[in-house]
């Protein structure tokens, strides 16, 4: 039985959620080059291609809220499915990716 909750959120909703909850884990599933060009502050880089092999590194976050994003929302659904299929509980998906993010980014 799937016990994960997946919620699609806009950039505004995501910003509000992570501003109000310092437990949030932010996963950037783009490439290292894209990440280096700019990412949401505090985001951890886990490219979608390697995520299935790297899940053990995220075990400690299974019960924390996780925000997943890519550039425009094309790759992140795969990452969301991977997390949901591996017992991650509270998954938030930034629907239009970093392209919709109008807040600070870290370079």
PDB file of N, CA and C in Angstrom:
ATOM      1  N   UNK A   1       0.840  -1.199   0.000  1.00  0.00           N
ATOM      2  CA  UNK A   1       0.000   0.000   0.000  1.00  0.00           C
ATOM      3  C   UNK A   1       0.878   1.254   0.000  1.00  0.00           C
ATOM      4  N   UNK A   2       0.503   2.189  -0.837  1.00  0.00           N
ATOM      5  CA  UNK A   2       1.255   3.431  -0.958  1.00  0.00           C
ATOM      6  C   UNK A   2       0.801   4.404   0.122  1.00  0.00           C
ATOM      7  N   UNK A   3       1.726   4.844   0.958  1.00  0.00           N
ATOM      8  CA  UNK A   3       1.357   5.756   2.035  1.00  0.00           C
ATOM      9  C   UNK A   3       1.921   7.152   1.815  1.00  0.00           C
ATOM     10  N   UNK A   4       2.417   7.398   0.623  1.00  0.00           N
ATOM     11  CA  UNK A   4       2.990   8.707   0.335  1.00  0.00           C
ATOM     12  C   UNK A   4       1.899   9.712   0.002  1.00  0.00           C
ATOM     13  N   UNK A   5       2.147  10.953   0.378  1.00  0.00           N
ATOM     14  CA  UNK A   5       1.283  12.046  -0.030  1.00  0.00           C
ATOM     15  C   UNK A   5       2.078  12.876  -1.018  1.00  0.00           C
ATOM     16  N   UNK A   6       1.521  13.074  -2.204  1.00  0.00           N
ATOM     17  CA  UNK A   6       2.194  13.879  -3.220  1.00  0.00           C
ATOM     18  C   UNK A   6       1.313  15.081  -3.497  1.00  0.00           C
ATOM     19  N   UNK A   7       1.895  16.264  -3.392  1.00  0.00           N
ATOM     20  CA  UNK A   7       1.124  17.473  -3.626  1.00  0.00           C
ATOM     21  C   UNK A   7       1.869  18.332  -4.644  1.00  0.00           C
ATOM     22  N   UNK A   8       1.175  18.689  -5.709  1.00  0.00           N
ATOM     23  CA  UNK A   8       1.747  19.612  -6.682  1.00  0.00           C
ATOM     24  C   UNK A   8       1.582  21.023  -6.140  1.00  0.00           C
ATOM     25  N   UNK A   9       2.670  21.800  -6.165  1.00  0.00           N
ATOM     26  CA  UNK A   9       2.616  23.161  -5.635  1.00  0.00           C
ATOM     27  C   UNK A   9       3.199  24.152  -6.638  1.00  0.00           C
ATOM     28  N   UNK A  10       2.700  25.375  -6.570  1.00  0.00           N
ATOM     29  CA  UNK A  10       3.257  26.454  -7.388  1.00  0.00           C
ATOM     30  C   UNK A  10       4.504  26.985  -6.681  1.00  0.00           C
ATOM     31  N   UNK A  11       5.247  27.819  -7.365  1.00  0.00           N
ATOM     32  CA  UNK A  11       6.435  28.424  -6.757  1.00  0.00           C
ATOM     33  C   UNK A  11       6.047  29.232  -5.518  1.00  0.00           C
ATOM     34  N   UNK A  12       4.927  29.945  -5.585  1.00  0.00           N
ATOM     35  CA  UNK A  12       4.482  30.755  -4.447  1.00  0.00           C
ATOM     36  C   UNK A  12       4.179  29.864  -3.241  1.00  0.00           C
ATOM     37  N   UNK A  13       3.457  28.762  -3.492  1.00  0.00           N
ATOM     38  CA  UNK A  13       3.138  27.836  -2.401  1.00  0.00           C
ATOM     39  C   UNK A  13       4.411  27.203  -1.827  1.00  0.00           C
ATOM     40  N   UNK A  14       5.322  26.818  -2.718  1.00  0.00           N
ATOM     41  CA  UNK A  14       6.572  26.188  -2.277  1.00  0.00           C
ATOM     42  C   UNK A  14       7.388  27.155  -1.430  1.00  0.00           C
ATOM     43  N   UNK A  15       7.480  28.394  -1.878  1.00  0.00           N
ATOM     44  CA  UNK A  15       8.244  29.400  -1.145  1.00  0.00           C
ATOM     45  C   UNK A  15       7.676  29.576   0.265  1.00  0.00           C
ATOM     46  N   UNK A  16       6.352  29.660   0.349  1.00  0.00           N
ATOM     47  CA  UNK A  16       5.682  29.828   1.641  1.00  0.00           C
ATOM     48  C   UNK A  16       5.944  28.607   2.536  1.00  0.00           C
ATOM     49  N   UNK A  17       5.816  27.419   1.974  1.00  0.00           N
ATOM     50  CA  UNK A  17       6.032  26.186   2.749  1.00  0.00           C
ATOM     51  C   UNK A  17       7.447  26.118   3.313  1.00  0.00           C
ATOM     52  N   UNK A  18       8.449  26.369   2.471  1.00  0.00           N
ATOM     53  CA  UNK A  18       9.822  26.233   2.971  1.00  0.00           C
ATOM     54  C   UNK A  18      10.213  27.395   3.873  1.00  0.00           C
ATOM     55  N   UNK A  19       9.535  28.541   3.725  1.00  0.00           N
ATOM     56  CA  UNK A  19       9.805  29.668   4.616  1.00  0.00           C
ATOM     57  C   UNK A  19       9.270  29.385   6.016  1.00  0.00           C
ATOM     58  N   UNK A  20       8.159  28.646   6.077  1.00  0.00           N
ATOM     59  CA  UNK A  20       7.500  28.399   7.360  1.00  0.00           C
ATOM     60  C   UNK A  20       7.965  27.126   8.045  1.00  0.00           C
ATOM     61  N   UNK A  21       8.717  26.272   7.341  1.00  0.00           N
ATOM     62  CA  UNK A  21       9.087  24.981   7.917  1.00  0.00           C
ATOM     63  C   UNK A  21      10.543  24.664   7.598  1.00  0.00           C
ATOM     64  N   UNK A  22      11.410  24.793   8.596  1.00  0.00           N
ATOM     65  CA  UNK A  22      12.832  24.547   8.338  1.00  0.00           C
ATOM     66  C   UNK A  22      13.178  23.066   8.277  1.00  0.00           C
ATOM     67  N   UNK A  23      12.165  22.202   8.408  1.00  0.00           N
ATOM     68  CA  UNK A  23      12.367  20.762   8.249  1.00  0.00           C
ATOM     69  C   UNK A  23      12.393  20.360   6.771  1.00  0.00           C
ATOM     70  N   UNK A  24      11.947  21.263   5.903  1.00  0.00           N
ATOM     71  CA  UNK A  24      11.834  20.938   4.482  1.00  0.00           C
ATOM     72  C   UNK A  24      13.167  20.530   3.881  1.00  0.00           C
ATOM     73  N   UNK A  25      13.135  19.462   3.109  1.00  0.00           N
ATOM     74  CA  UNK A  25      14.301  19.022   2.355  1.00  0.00           C
ATOM     75  C   UNK A  25      13.991  19.401   0.909  1.00  0.00           C
ATOM     76  N   UNK A  26      14.940  20.062   0.261  1.00  0.00           N
ATOM     77  CA  UNK A  26      14.720  20.515  -1.121  1.00  0.00           C
ATOM     78  C   UNK A  26      15.645  19.717  -2.028  1.00  0.00           C
ATOM     79  N   UNK A  27      15.043  19.014  -2.998  1.00  0.00           N
ATOM     80  CA  UNK A  27      15.822  18.190  -3.924  1.00  0.00           C
ATOM     81  C   UNK A  27      15.786  18.785  -5.317  1.00  0.00           C
ATOM     82  N   UNK A  28      16.946  19.087  -5.834  1.00  0.00           N
ATOM     83  CA  UNK A  28      17.101  19.560  -7.205  1.00  0.00           C
ATOM     84  C   UNK A  28      17.505  18.333  -8.023  1.00  0.00           C
ATOM     85  N   UNK A  29      16.685  17.950  -8.992  1.00  0.00           N
ATOM     86  CA  UNK A  29      16.960  16.720  -9.749  1.00  0.00           C
ATOM     87  C   UNK A  29      17.493  17.019 -11.159  1.00  0.00           C
ATOM     88  N   UNK A  30      18.048  18.232 -11.330  1.00  0.00           N
ATOM     89  CA  UNK A  30      18.650  18.597 -12.620  1.00  0.00           C
ATOM     90  C   UNK A  30      20.096  18.112 -12.661  1.00  0.00           C
ATOM     91  N   UNK A  31      20.820  18.532 -13.690  1.00  0.00           N
ATOM     92  CA  UNK A  31      22.234  18.147 -13.806  1.00  0.00           C
ATOM     93  C   UNK A  31      23.088  19.042 -12.909  1.00  0.00           C
ATOM     94  N   UNK A  32      24.321  18.625 -12.683  1.00  0.00           N
ATOM     95  CA  UNK A  32      25.237  19.426 -11.866  1.00  0.00           C
ATOM     96  C   UNK A  32      25.465  20.798 -12.508  1.00  0.00           C
ATOM     97  N   UNK A  33      25.574  20.839 -13.821  1.00  0.00           N
ATOM     98  CA  UNK A  33      25.793  22.110 -14.514  1.00  0.00           C
ATOM     99  C   UNK A  33      24.620  23.068 -14.272  1.00  0.00           C
ATOM    100  N   UNK A  34      23.405  22.541 -14.394  1.00  0.00           N
ATOM    101  CA  UNK A  34      22.228  23.380 -14.155  1.00  0.00           C
ATOM    102  C   UNK A  34      22.202  23.866 -12.700  1.00  0.00           C
ATOM    103  N   UNK A  35      22.507  22.945 -11.793  1.00  0.00           N
ATOM    104  CA  UNK A  35      22.532  23.271 -10.359  1.00  0.00           C
ATOM    105  C   UNK A  35      23.542  24.387 -10.098  1.00  0.00           C
ATOM    106  N   UNK A  36      24.727  24.259 -10.690  1.00  0.00           N
ATOM    107  CA  UNK A  36      25.779  25.261 -10.493  1.00  0.00           C
ATOM    108  C   UNK A  36      25.396  26.626 -11.065  1.00  0.00           C
ATOM    109  N   UNK A  37      24.532  26.627 -12.075  1.00  0.00           N
ATOM    110  CA  UNK A  37      24.068  27.889 -12.661  1.00  0.00           C
ATOM    111  C   UNK A  37      23.116  28.633 -11.730  1.00  0.00           C
ATOM    112  N   UNK A  38      22.514  27.919 -10.791  1.00  0.00           N
ATOM    113  CA  UNK A  38      21.612  28.548  -9.832  1.00  0.00           C
ATOM    114  C   UNK A  38      20.565  27.567  -9.345  1.00  0.00           C
ATOM    115  N   UNK A  39      20.340  27.577  -8.023  1.00  0.00           N
ATOM    116  CA  UNK A  39      19.370  26.656  -7.433  1.00  0.00           C
ATOM    117  C   UNK A  39      18.705  27.308  -6.229  1.00  0.00           C
ATOM    118  N   UNK A  40      17.623  26.704  -5.777  1.00  0.00           N
ATOM    119  CA  UNK A  40      16.927  27.193  -4.590  1.00  0.00           C
ATOM    120  C   UNK A  40      17.886  27.040  -3.399  1.00  0.00           C
ATOM    121  N   UNK A  41      18.026  28.091  -2.580  1.00  0.00           N
ATOM    122  CA  UNK A  41      18.955  28.004  -1.442  1.00  0.00           C
ATOM    123  C   UNK A  41      18.685  26.773  -0.573  1.00  0.00           C
ATOM    124  N   UNK A  42      19.761  26.053  -0.273  1.00  0.00           N
ATOM    125  CA  UNK A  42      19.636  24.864   0.578  1.00  0.00           C
ATOM    126  C   UNK A  42      19.308  23.584  -0.168  1.00  0.00           C
ATOM    127  N   UNK A  43      19.088  23.681  -1.480  1.00  0.00           N
ATOM    128  CA  UNK A  43      18.714  22.486  -2.252  1.00  0.00           C
ATOM    129  C   UNK A  43      19.881  21.500  -2.331  1.00  0.00           C
ATOM    130  N   UNK A  44      19.535  20.218  -2.257  1.00  0.00           N
ATOM    131  CA  UNK A  44      20.518  19.148  -2.422  1.00  0.00           C
ATOM    132  C   UNK A  44      20.417  18.649  -3.855  1.00  0.00           C
ATOM    133  N   UNK A  45      21.561  18.424  -4.479  1.00  0.00           N
ATOM    134  CA  UNK A  45      21.581  17.967  -5.865  1.00  0.00           C
ATOM    135  C   UNK A  45      21.518  16.443  -5.935  1.00  0.00           C
ATOM    136  N   UNK A  46      20.456  15.925  -6.574  1.00  0.00           N
ATOM    137  CA  UNK A  46      20.309  14.493  -6.833  1.00  0.00           C
ATOM    138  C   UNK A  46      19.733  14.346  -8.234  1.00  0.00           C
ATOM    139  N   UNK A  47      20.597  14.385  -9.281  1.00  0.00           N
ATOM    140  CA  UNK A  47      20.074  14.277 -10.653  1.00  0.00           C
ATOM    141  C   UNK A  47      19.159  13.066 -10.801  1.00  0.00           C
ATOM    142  N   UNK A  48      18.076  13.262 -11.537  1.00  0.00           N
ATOM    143  CA  UNK A  48      17.043  12.230 -11.645  1.00  0.00           C
ATOM    144  C   UNK A  48      17.627  10.896 -12.124  1.00  0.00           C
ATOM    145  N   UNK A  49      18.683  10.929 -12.954  1.00  0.00           N
ATOM    146  CA  UNK A  49      19.265   9.690 -13.476  1.00  0.00           C
ATOM    147  C   UNK A  49      19.924   8.862 -12.371  1.00  0.00           C
ATOM    148  N   UNK A  50      20.482   9.527 -11.350  1.00  0.00           N
ATOM    149  CA  UNK A  50      21.183   8.783 -10.303  1.00  0.00           C
ATOM    150  C   UNK A  50      20.339   8.606  -9.040  1.00  0.00           C
ATOM    151  N   UNK A  51      19.188   9.274  -8.983  1.00  0.00           N
ATOM    152  CA  UNK A  51      18.365   9.208  -7.770  1.00  0.00           C
ATOM    153  C   UNK A  51      18.067   7.780  -7.305  1.00  0.00           C
ATOM    154  N   UNK A  52      17.653   6.872  -8.205  1.00  0.00           N
ATOM    155  CA  UNK A  52      17.354   5.507  -7.735  1.00  0.00           C
ATOM    156  C   UNK A  52      18.545   4.829  -7.051  1.00  0.00           C
ATOM    157  N   UNK A  53      19.764   5.142  -7.476  1.00  0.00           N
ATOM    158  CA  UNK A  53      20.955   4.547  -6.859  1.00  0.00           C
ATOM    159  C   UNK A  53      21.395   5.279  -5.600  1.00  0.00           C
ATOM    160  N   UNK A  54      20.833   6.454  -5.352  1.00  0.00           N
ATOM    161  CA  UNK A  54      21.290   7.297  -4.242  1.00  0.00           C
ATOM    162  C   UNK A  54      20.285   7.375  -3.095  1.00  0.00           C
ATOM    163  N   UNK A  55      19.233   6.577  -3.174  1.00  0.00           N
ATOM    164  CA  UNK A  55      18.172   6.691  -2.179  1.00  0.00           C
ATOM    165  C   UNK A  55      18.649   6.480  -0.743  1.00  0.00           C
ATOM    166  N   UNK A  56      19.660   5.624  -0.556  1.00  0.00           N
ATOM    167  CA  UNK A  56      20.132   5.377   0.808  1.00  0.00           C
ATOM    168  C   UNK A  56      20.660   6.662   1.448  1.00  0.00           C
ATOM    169  N   UNK A  57      21.167   7.586   0.622  1.00  0.00           N
ATOM    170  CA  UNK A  57      21.666   8.857   1.152  1.00  0.00           C
ATOM    171  C   UNK A  57      20.528   9.751   1.644  1.00  0.00           C
ATOM    172  N   UNK A  58      19.306   9.425   1.240  1.00  0.00           N
ATOM    173  CA  UNK A  58      18.147  10.241   1.620  1.00  0.00           C
ATOM    174  C   UNK A  58      17.287   9.576   2.685  1.00  0.00           C
ATOM    175  N   UNK A  59      17.667   8.374   3.126  1.00  0.00           N
ATOM    176  CA  UNK A  59      16.870   7.630   4.103  1.00  0.00           C
ATOM    177  C   UNK A  59      16.431   8.456   5.305  1.00  0.00           C
ATOM    178  N   UNK A  60      17.341   9.274   5.817  1.00  0.00           N
ATOM    179  CA  UNK A  60      17.036  10.045   7.025  1.00  0.00           C
ATOM    180  C   UNK A  60      15.916  11.058   6.801  1.00  0.00           C
ATOM    181  N   UNK A  61      15.558  11.313   5.541  1.00  0.00           N
ATOM    182  CA  UNK A  61      14.522  12.304   5.235  1.00  0.00           C
ATOM    183  C   UNK A  61      13.166  11.686   4.891  1.00  0.00           C
ATOM    184  N   UNK A  62      13.028  10.372   5.039  1.00  0.00           N
ATOM    185  CA  UNK A  62      11.786   9.700   4.615  1.00  0.00           C
ATOM    186  C   UNK A  62      10.527  10.284   5.248  1.00  0.00           C
ATOM    187  N   UNK A  63      10.629  10.766   6.478  1.00  0.00           N
ATOM    188  CA  UNK A  63       9.444  11.293   7.163  1.00  0.00           C
ATOM    189  C   UNK A  63       9.387  12.810   7.187  1.00  0.00           C
ATOM    190  N   UNK A  64      10.307  13.457   6.477  1.00  0.00           N
ATOM    191  CA  UNK A  64      10.303  14.923   6.406  1.00  0.00           C
ATOM    192  C   UNK A  64       9.640  15.355   5.097  1.00  0.00           C
ATOM    193  N   UNK A  65       9.116  16.570   5.080  1.00  0.00           N
ATOM    194  CA  UNK A  65       8.560  17.064   3.814  1.00  0.00           C
ATOM    195  C   UNK A  65       9.690  17.319   2.815  1.00  0.00           C
ATOM    196  N   UNK A  66       9.482  16.893   1.586  1.00  0.00           N
ATOM    197  CA  UNK A  66      10.495  17.036   0.538  1.00  0.00           C
ATOM    198  C   UNK A  66       9.895  17.789  -0.640  1.00  0.00           C
ATOM    199  N   UNK A  67      10.598  18.837  -1.064  1.00  0.00           N
ATOM    200  CA  UNK A  67      10.199  19.563  -2.262  1.00  0.00           C
ATOM    201  C   UNK A  67      11.120  19.113  -3.392  1.00  0.00           C
ATOM    202  N   UNK A  68      10.526  18.655  -4.485  1.00  0.00           N
ATOM    203  CA  UNK A  68      11.295  18.163  -5.631  1.00  0.00           C
ATOM    204  C   UNK A  68      11.087  19.117  -6.805  1.00  0.00           C
ATOM    205  N   UNK A  69      12.193  19.477  -7.460  1.00  0.00           N
ATOM    206  CA  UNK A  69      12.043  20.320  -8.652  1.00  0.00           C
ATOM    207  C   UNK A  69      13.134  20.034  -9.680  1.00  0.00           C
ATOM    208  N   UNK A  70      12.809  20.399 -10.928  1.00  0.00           N
ATOM    209  CA  UNK A  70      13.786  20.369 -12.017  1.00  0.00           C
ATOM    210  C   UNK A  70      13.722  21.735 -12.697  1.00  0.00           C
ATOM    211  N   UNK A  71      14.030  21.815 -13.971  1.00  0.00           N
ATOM    212  CA  UNK A  71      14.035  23.112 -14.653  1.00  0.00           C
ATOM    213  C   UNK A  71      12.618  23.615 -14.943  1.00  0.00           C
ATOM    214  N   UNK A  72      11.777  22.739 -15.515  1.00  0.00           N
ATOM    215  CA  UNK A  72      10.447  23.207 -15.918  1.00  0.00           C
ATOM    216  C   UNK A  72       9.323  22.242 -15.565  1.00  0.00           C
ATOM    217  N   UNK A  73       9.635  21.157 -14.860  1.00  0.00           N
ATOM    218  CA  UNK A  73       8.600  20.207 -14.467  1.00  0.00           C
ATOM    219  C   UNK A  73       8.562  18.960 -15.331  1.00  0.00           C
ATOM    220  N   UNK A  74       9.527  18.803 -16.232  1.00  0.00           N
ATOM    221  CA  UNK A  74       9.555  17.638 -17.112  1.00  0.00           C
ATOM    222  C   UNK A  74      10.203  16.405 -16.494  1.00  0.00           C
ATOM    223  N   UNK A  75      11.293  16.594 -15.781  1.00  0.00           N
ATOM    224  CA  UNK A  75      12.036  15.463 -15.192  1.00  0.00           C
ATOM    225  C   UNK A  75      11.587  15.121 -13.774  1.00  0.00           C
ATOM    226  N   UNK A  76      11.129  16.116 -13.044  1.00  0.00           N
ATOM    227  CA  UNK A  76      10.830  15.894 -11.623  1.00  0.00           C
ATOM    228  C   UNK A  76       9.727  14.866 -11.353  1.00  0.00           C
ATOM    229  N   UNK A  77       8.709  14.699 -12.214  1.00  0.00           N
ATOM    230  CA  UNK A  77       7.720  13.654 -11.906  1.00  0.00           C
ATOM    231  C   UNK A  77       8.348  12.260 -11.765  1.00  0.00           C
ATOM    232  N   UNK A  78       9.400  11.972 -12.544  1.00  0.00           N
ATOM    233  CA  UNK A  78      10.092  10.688 -12.402  1.00  0.00           C
ATOM    234  C   UNK A  78      10.710  10.561 -11.014  1.00  0.00           C
ATOM    235  N   UNK A  79      11.307  11.650 -10.543  1.00  0.00           N
ATOM    236  CA  UNK A  79      11.920  11.649  -9.214  1.00  0.00           C
ATOM    237  C   UNK A  79      10.851  11.489  -8.134  1.00  0.00           C
ATOM    238  N   UNK A  80       9.719  12.164  -8.304  1.00  0.00           N
ATOM    239  CA  UNK A  80       8.614  12.060  -7.350  1.00  0.00           C
ATOM    240  C   UNK A  80       8.143  10.607  -7.267  1.00  0.00           C
ATOM    241  N   UNK A  81       7.981   9.960  -8.419  1.00  0.00           N
ATOM    242  CA  UNK A  81       7.562   8.551  -8.437  1.00  0.00           C
ATOM    243  C   UNK A  81       8.581   7.665  -7.728  1.00  0.00           C
ATOM    244  N   UNK A  82       9.861   7.915  -7.983  1.00  0.00           N
ATOM    245  CA  UNK A  82      10.915   7.131  -7.336  1.00  0.00           C
ATOM    246  C   UNK A  82      10.819   7.256  -5.820  1.00  0.00           C
ATOM    247  N   UNK A  83      10.645   8.478  -5.333  1.00  0.00           N
ATOM    248  CA  UNK A  83      10.542   8.696  -3.886  1.00  0.00           C
ATOM    249  C   UNK A  83       9.287   8.030  -3.321  1.00  0.00           C
ATOM    250  N   UNK A  84       8.157   8.222  -4.003  1.00  0.00           N
ATOM    251  CA  UNK A  84       6.894   7.654  -3.526  1.00  0.00           C
ATOM    252  C   UNK A  84       6.963   6.129  -3.466  1.00  0.00           C
ATOM    253  N   UNK A  85       7.628   5.526  -4.440  1.00  0.00           N
ATOM    254  CA  UNK A  85       7.746   4.065  -4.477  1.00  0.00           C
ATOM    255  C   UNK A  85       8.756   3.525  -3.471  1.00  0.00           C
ATOM    256  N   UNK A  86       9.444   4.424  -2.777  1.00  0.00           N
ATOM    257  CA  UNK A  86      10.442   4.013  -1.797  1.00  0.00           C
ATOM    258  C   UNK A  86      10.153   4.580  -0.409  1.00  0.00           C
ATOM    259  N   UNK A  87       8.868   4.695  -0.087  1.00  0.00           N
ATOM    260  CA  UNK A  87       8.397   5.014   1.269  1.00  0.00           C
ATOM    261  C   UNK A  87       8.662   6.429   1.760  1.00  0.00           C
ATOM    262  N   UNK A  88       8.892   7.370   0.845  1.00  0.00           N
ATOM    263  CA  UNK A  88       8.978   8.756   1.294  1.00  0.00           C
ATOM    264  C   UNK A  88       7.553   9.246   1.502  1.00  0.00           C
ATOM    265  N   UNK A  89       7.323   9.954   2.605  1.00  0.00           N
ATOM    266  CA  UNK A  89       5.959  10.232   3.046  1.00  0.00           C
ATOM    267  C   UNK A  89       5.334  11.500   2.474  1.00  0.00           C
ATOM    268  N   UNK A  90       6.011  12.635   2.612  1.00  0.00           N
ATOM    269  CA  UNK A  90       5.419  13.931   2.251  1.00  0.00           C
ATOM    270  C   UNK A  90       6.195  14.567   1.121  1.00  0.00           C
ATOM    271  N   UNK A  91       5.700  14.388  -0.091  1.00  0.00           N
ATOM    272  CA  UNK A  91       6.422  14.856  -1.268  1.00  0.00           C
ATOM    273  C   UNK A  91       5.664  16.016  -1.898  1.00  0.00           C
ATOM    274  N   UNK A  92       6.392  17.098  -2.115  1.00  0.00           N
ATOM    275  CA  UNK A  92       5.831  18.265  -2.779  1.00  0.00           C
ATOM    276  C   UNK A  92       6.563  18.425  -4.101  1.00  0.00           C
ATOM    277  N   UNK A  93       5.796  18.648  -5.155  1.00  0.00           N
ATOM    278  CA  UNK A  93       6.372  18.749  -6.491  1.00  0.00           C
ATOM    279  C   UNK A  93       6.176  20.171  -7.005  1.00  0.00           C
ATOM    280  N   UNK A  94       7.282  20.846  -7.310  1.00  0.00           N
ATOM    281  CA  UNK A  94       7.202  22.191  -7.883  1.00  0.00           C
ATOM    282  C   UNK A  94       6.807  22.039  -9.349  1.00  0.00           C
ATOM    283  N   UNK A  95       5.529  22.273  -9.636  1.00  0.00           N
ATOM    284  CA  UNK A  95       4.943  21.879 -10.922  1.00  0.00           C
ATOM    285  C   UNK A  95       5.635  22.452 -12.143  1.00  0.00           C
ATOM    286  N   UNK A  96       6.020  23.718 -12.107  1.00  0.00           N
ATOM    287  CA  UNK A  96       6.639  24.280 -13.307  1.00  0.00           C
ATOM    288  C   UNK A  96       8.134  24.468 -13.126  1.00  0.00           C
ATOM    289  N   UNK A  97       8.680  23.838 -12.112  1.00  0.00           N
ATOM    290  CA  UNK A  97      10.118  23.839 -11.917  1.00  0.00           C
ATOM    291  C   UNK A  97      10.711  25.201 -11.608  1.00  0.00           C
ATOM    292  N   UNK A  98      12.014  25.255 -11.704  1.00  0.00           N
ATOM    293  CA  UNK A  98      12.755  26.471 -11.371  1.00  0.00           C
ATOM    294  C   UNK A  98      12.384  27.619 -12.312  1.00  0.00           C
ATOM    295  N   UNK A  99      11.864  27.302 -13.492  1.00  0.00           N
ATOM    296  CA  UNK A  99      11.485  28.365 -14.440  1.00  0.00           C
ATOM    297  C   UNK A  99      10.380  29.251 -13.855  1.00  0.00           C
ATOM    298  N   UNK A 100       9.636  28.728 -12.873  1.00  0.00           N
ATOM    299  CA  UNK A 100       8.549  29.513 -12.279  1.00  0.00           C
ATOM    300  C   UNK A 100       8.976  30.193 -10.972  1.00  0.00           C
ATOM    301  N   UNK A 101      10.183  29.941 -10.522  1.00  0.00           N
ATOM    302  CA  UNK A 101      10.684  30.447  -9.230  1.00  0.00           C
ATOM    303  C   UNK A 101      11.105  31.909  -9.377  1.00  0.00           C
ATOM    304  N   UNK A 102      10.490  32.792  -8.613  1.00  0.00           N
ATOM    305  CA  UNK A 102      10.788  34.230  -8.706  1.00  0.00           C
ATOM    306  C   UNK A 102      11.522  34.740  -7.461  1.00  0.00           C
ATOM    307  N   UNK A 103      12.094  33.834  -6.704  1.00  0.00           N
ATOM    308  CA  UNK A 103      12.735  34.204  -5.447  1.00  0.00           C
ATOM    309  C   UNK A 103      14.246  34.043  -5.565  1.00  0.00           C
ATOM    310  N   UNK A 104      14.931  34.256  -4.459  1.00  0.00           N
ATOM    311  CA  UNK A 104      16.396  34.136  -4.469  1.00  0.00           C
ATOM    312  C   UNK A 104      16.839  32.761  -4.963  1.00  0.00           C
ATOM    313  N   UNK A 105      17.931  32.774  -5.702  1.00  0.00           N
ATOM    314  CA  UNK A 105      18.604  31.517  -6.018  1.00  0.00           C
ATOM    315  C   UNK A 105      20.061  31.643  -5.609  1.00  0.00           C
ATOM    316  N   UNK A 106      20.687  30.521  -5.361  1.00  0.00           N
ATOM    317  CA  UNK A 106      22.077  30.476  -4.947  1.00  0.00           C
ATOM    318  C   UNK A 106      22.912  30.008  -6.122  1.00  0.00           C
ATOM    319  N   UNK A 107      24.054  30.657  -6.325  1.00  0.00           N
ATOM    320  CA  UNK A 107      24.964  30.236  -7.395  1.00  0.00           C
ATOM    321  C   UNK A 107      26.260  29.787  -6.777  1.00  0.00           C
TER     322      UNK A 107
END
